Structures are given as C-alpha cells and as structure tokens.
Amino acid sequence: MQMNNLIEILLVEDNPDDVELTLRALKKCNVANSIQVARDGEEALEIIQCKGKYALRNTDNRPRVVLLDLKLPKVDGLEVLHTIKSDEKTNTIPVVILTASKEEQDIVKSYQLGANSYIIKPVDFNKFVQTITELGLYWLIINKQPGY
C-alpha cells in the first residue's frame, strides 16, 4: 500500500458483510476512487492520525469523509468520533455515523460529539445501495470542504 495516497472515504466497519455491501455500493455509484477500510476503532485512529503501521502516510492526505460504525472492537465508534473531533488537525473531517443502532442515546451522543450526520443502515439491499450512493454523492461531490 502506498502511504501517501489520498483516502477519499475511510470506512470503519467490523462486519465483513457490511464492508462488502458498502464497497459494492460505492463502486456502483462511481464517486470514490480511494476507499480505505478499518476493521476496528484502533486501526481507524491509526489511519487518521498517521500512527502505527500508517506512520508513513502523509498527514496532509486526510480522508474526505469517514463512514463510522458505532459498535466496534478495541475502540468504539463514539471514542473514535470524540478523538477525531477533539483534534484541531482532524476536526474538520466530516464523520457520518453509519450504524444499525436506532438508540436515541447513540444519536444524541453522536451529535454532541460532533457527528456530521447519523444514518441507520437500511436492511433492504436496494435501499442500502441508494443510501450509500447518496452519501457518496453528497460528501464527495456536492459538499465543499476546506482544502478540496
């Protein structure tokens, strides 16, 4: 893996089926050329902060958007969100919570910690693909971010 390549989307997801579905949906809509997958919260933070095995990655090439599940091994999604939004080097990265959790407390806490959006994963495959397509179009094409 080249450590200096731009990551357009960082997908933080531990469920292999959800990873596969999300990658298929993103490829189908052709909005992202570079998608990095982190299988747990610890790996996500290493990628974003350019630490550990990602220490050689260029810190200027932050993800354009993070799709973040909440229920993750090692470091949970809320802690990942808090860490991203608490650091002035990373706090402008849009973080979209993409989770199965419909719990009101998760929604409220996510927004309190600075989430840019909270999306409950649709169970229906076609709705899931449509949701991911719209996410990709909005965050990578329509939305204007600093530095892009």
Protein backbone atom coordinates (compact mmCIF):
# COMPACT_ATOMS: atom_id res chain seq x y z
CA MET A 1 0.00 0.00 0.00
CA GLN A 2 1.31 3.46 -0.86
CA MET A 3 1.18 5.51 2.29
CA ASN A 4 0.86 8.90 0.58
CA ASN A 5 -2.26 8.23 -1.47
CA LEU A 6 -5.35 10.26 -0.80
CA ILE A 7 -8.10 8.43 1.04
CA GLU A 8 -11.42 9.77 -0.14
CA ILE A 9 -13.51 7.56 2.12
CA LEU A 10 -12.46 5.85 5.32
CA LEU A 11 -14.96 3.10 6.07
CA VAL A 12 -14.77 1.99 9.70
CA GLU A 13 -16.71 -1.25 9.92
CA ASP A 14 -16.02 -4.61 11.57
CA ASN A 15 -18.83 -6.61 9.94
CA PRO A 16 -17.43 -8.23 6.76
CA ASP A 17 -20.89 -8.39 5.14
CA ASP A 18 -21.48 -4.66 5.72
CA VAL A 19 -17.99 -3.88 4.40
CA GLU A 20 -18.71 -5.85 1.22
CA LEU A 21 -22.13 -4.25 0.72
CA THR A 22 -20.77 -0.75 1.28
CA LEU A 23 -17.81 -1.26 -1.08
CA ARG A 24 -20.11 -2.69 -3.76
CA ALA A 25 -22.49 0.24 -3.42
CA LEU A 26 -19.67 2.81 -3.58
CA LYS A 27 -18.15 1.18 -6.64
CA LYS A 28 -21.56 1.02 -8.31
CA CYS A 29 -22.07 4.77 -7.97
CA ASN A 30 -18.51 5.65 -9.09
CA VAL A 31 -17.98 8.56 -6.70
CA ALA A 32 -14.88 7.39 -4.84
CA ASN A 33 -11.60 6.21 -6.29
CA SER A 34 -9.86 5.56 -2.99
CA ILE A 35 -11.59 3.75 -0.14
CA GLN A 36 -9.70 2.56 2.93
CA VAL A 37 -11.32 0.09 5.33
CA ALA A 38 -10.52 -0.02 9.03
CA ARG A 39 -11.87 -3.12 10.80
CA ASP A 40 -11.79 -1.60 14.30
CA GLY A 41 -11.61 1.77 16.03
CA GLU A 42 -7.94 1.48 16.87
CA GLU A 43 -6.97 0.98 13.22
CA ALA A 44 -9.22 3.91 12.20
CA LEU A 45 -7.40 6.23 14.59
CA GLU A 46 -4.01 4.99 13.37
CA ILE A 47 -5.02 5.78 9.79
CA ILE A 48 -6.37 9.23 10.63
CA GLN A 49 -3.50 10.16 12.95
CA CYS A 50 -0.81 8.52 10.76
CA LYS A 51 0.45 6.31 13.58
CA GLY A 52 1.47 2.68 13.95
CA LYS A 53 1.65 0.86 10.63
CA TYR A 54 0.28 4.02 8.96
CA ALA A 55 3.05 6.28 10.31
CA LEU A 56 4.49 6.84 6.81
CA ARG A 57 1.19 8.14 5.46
CA ASN A 58 1.17 11.82 4.55
CA THR A 59 -0.73 13.68 7.29
CA ASP A 60 -1.97 16.21 4.73
CA ASN A 61 -3.94 13.48 2.95
CA ARG A 62 -6.77 13.16 5.43
CA PRO A 63 -9.91 11.24 4.47
CA ARG A 64 -12.53 13.42 2.79
CA VAL A 65 -15.22 11.63 4.79
CA VAL A 66 -15.33 8.93 7.47
CA LEU A 67 -18.20 6.43 7.48
CA LEU A 68 -18.16 5.21 11.06
CA ASP A 69 -19.95 2.32 12.71
CA LEU A 70 -20.55 2.71 16.44
CA LYS A 71 -20.19 -0.85 17.68
CA LEU A 72 -16.51 -1.63 17.03
CA PRO A 73 -13.84 -3.79 18.66
CA LYS A 74 -10.84 -2.28 20.50
CA VAL A 75 -12.04 1.36 20.41
CA ASP A 76 -15.76 2.02 19.98
CA GLY A 77 -17.14 4.41 17.40
CA LEU A 78 -18.07 7.14 19.88
CA GLU A 79 -14.49 7.25 21.14
CA VAL A 80 -13.19 7.41 17.55
CA LEU A 81 -15.60 10.26 16.85
CA HIS A 82 -14.56 12.09 20.02
CA THR A 83 -10.87 11.73 19.15
CA ILE A 84 -11.35 12.99 15.58
CA LYS A 85 -13.46 15.98 16.61
CA SER A 86 -11.21 16.89 19.59
CA ASP A 87 -8.05 17.26 17.50
CA GLU A 88 -7.64 20.52 15.57
CA LYS A 89 -5.73 18.64 12.84
CA THR A 90 -8.69 16.35 12.14
CA ASN A 91 -11.82 18.07 13.46
CA THR A 92 -12.90 19.33 10.02
CA ILE A 93 -13.09 15.79 8.59
CA PRO A 94 -16.79 15.01 8.09
CA VAL A 95 -17.83 11.97 10.11
CA VAL A 96 -21.01 10.18 9.11
CA ILE A 97 -22.26 7.64 11.62
CA LEU A 98 -23.42 4.63 9.60
CA THR A 99 -24.81 2.14 12.07
CA ALA A 100 -27.61 -0.28 12.83
CA SER A 101 -28.25 1.44 16.18
CA LYS A 102 -31.58 3.22 16.45
CA GLU A 103 -30.94 4.04 20.12
CA GLU A 104 -31.81 7.66 20.89
CA GLN A 105 -28.86 7.90 23.29
CA ASP A 106 -26.45 6.92 20.48
CA ILE A 107 -27.96 9.52 18.15
CA VAL A 108 -27.81 12.29 20.77
CA LYS A 109 -24.27 11.40 21.91
CA SER A 110 -23.03 11.23 18.30
CA TYR A 111 -24.26 14.73 17.57
CA GLN A 112 -22.95 16.03 20.89
CA LEU A 113 -19.50 14.71 19.95
CA GLY A 114 -19.63 16.42 16.55
CA ALA A 115 -21.00 13.89 14.08
CA ASN A 116 -21.94 15.50 10.78
CA SER A 117 -24.71 13.01 10.07
CA TYR A 118 -26.32 9.92 11.61
CA ILE A 119 -27.66 7.26 9.26
CA ILE A 120 -29.27 3.99 10.26
CA LYS A 121 -28.22 1.26 7.84
CA PRO A 122 -31.17 0.13 5.76
CA VAL A 123 -31.78 -3.62 5.89
CA ASP A 124 -33.04 -3.80 2.30
CA PHE A 125 -30.14 -4.13 -0.16
CA ASN A 126 -31.56 -1.72 -2.76
CA LYS A 127 -32.24 0.92 -0.11
CA PHE A 128 -28.76 0.37 1.30
CA VAL A 129 -27.19 0.91 -2.15
CA GLN A 130 -29.31 4.03 -2.67
CA THR A 131 -28.30 5.40 0.74
CA ILE A 132 -24.58 4.79 0.12
CA THR A 133 -24.84 6.33 -3.35
CA GLU A 134 -26.47 9.45 -1.95
CA LEU A 135 -23.87 9.62 0.84
CA GLY A 136 -21.02 9.41 -1.66
CA LEU A 137 -22.54 11.97 -3.99
CA TYR A 138 -23.20 14.44 -1.21
CA TRP A 139 -19.94 14.20 0.76
CA LEU A 140 -17.56 13.82 -2.20
CA ILE A 141 -19.24 15.81 -5.00
CA ILE A 142 -21.78 18.31 -3.66
CA ASN A 143 -20.35 19.26 -0.24
CA LYS A 144 -17.48 21.78 -0.23
CA GLN A 145 -14.73 21.10 2.28
CA PRO A 146 -11.68 23.13 3.26
CA GLY A 147 -8.64 22.21 1.19
CA TYR A 148 -10.59 20.46 -1.61
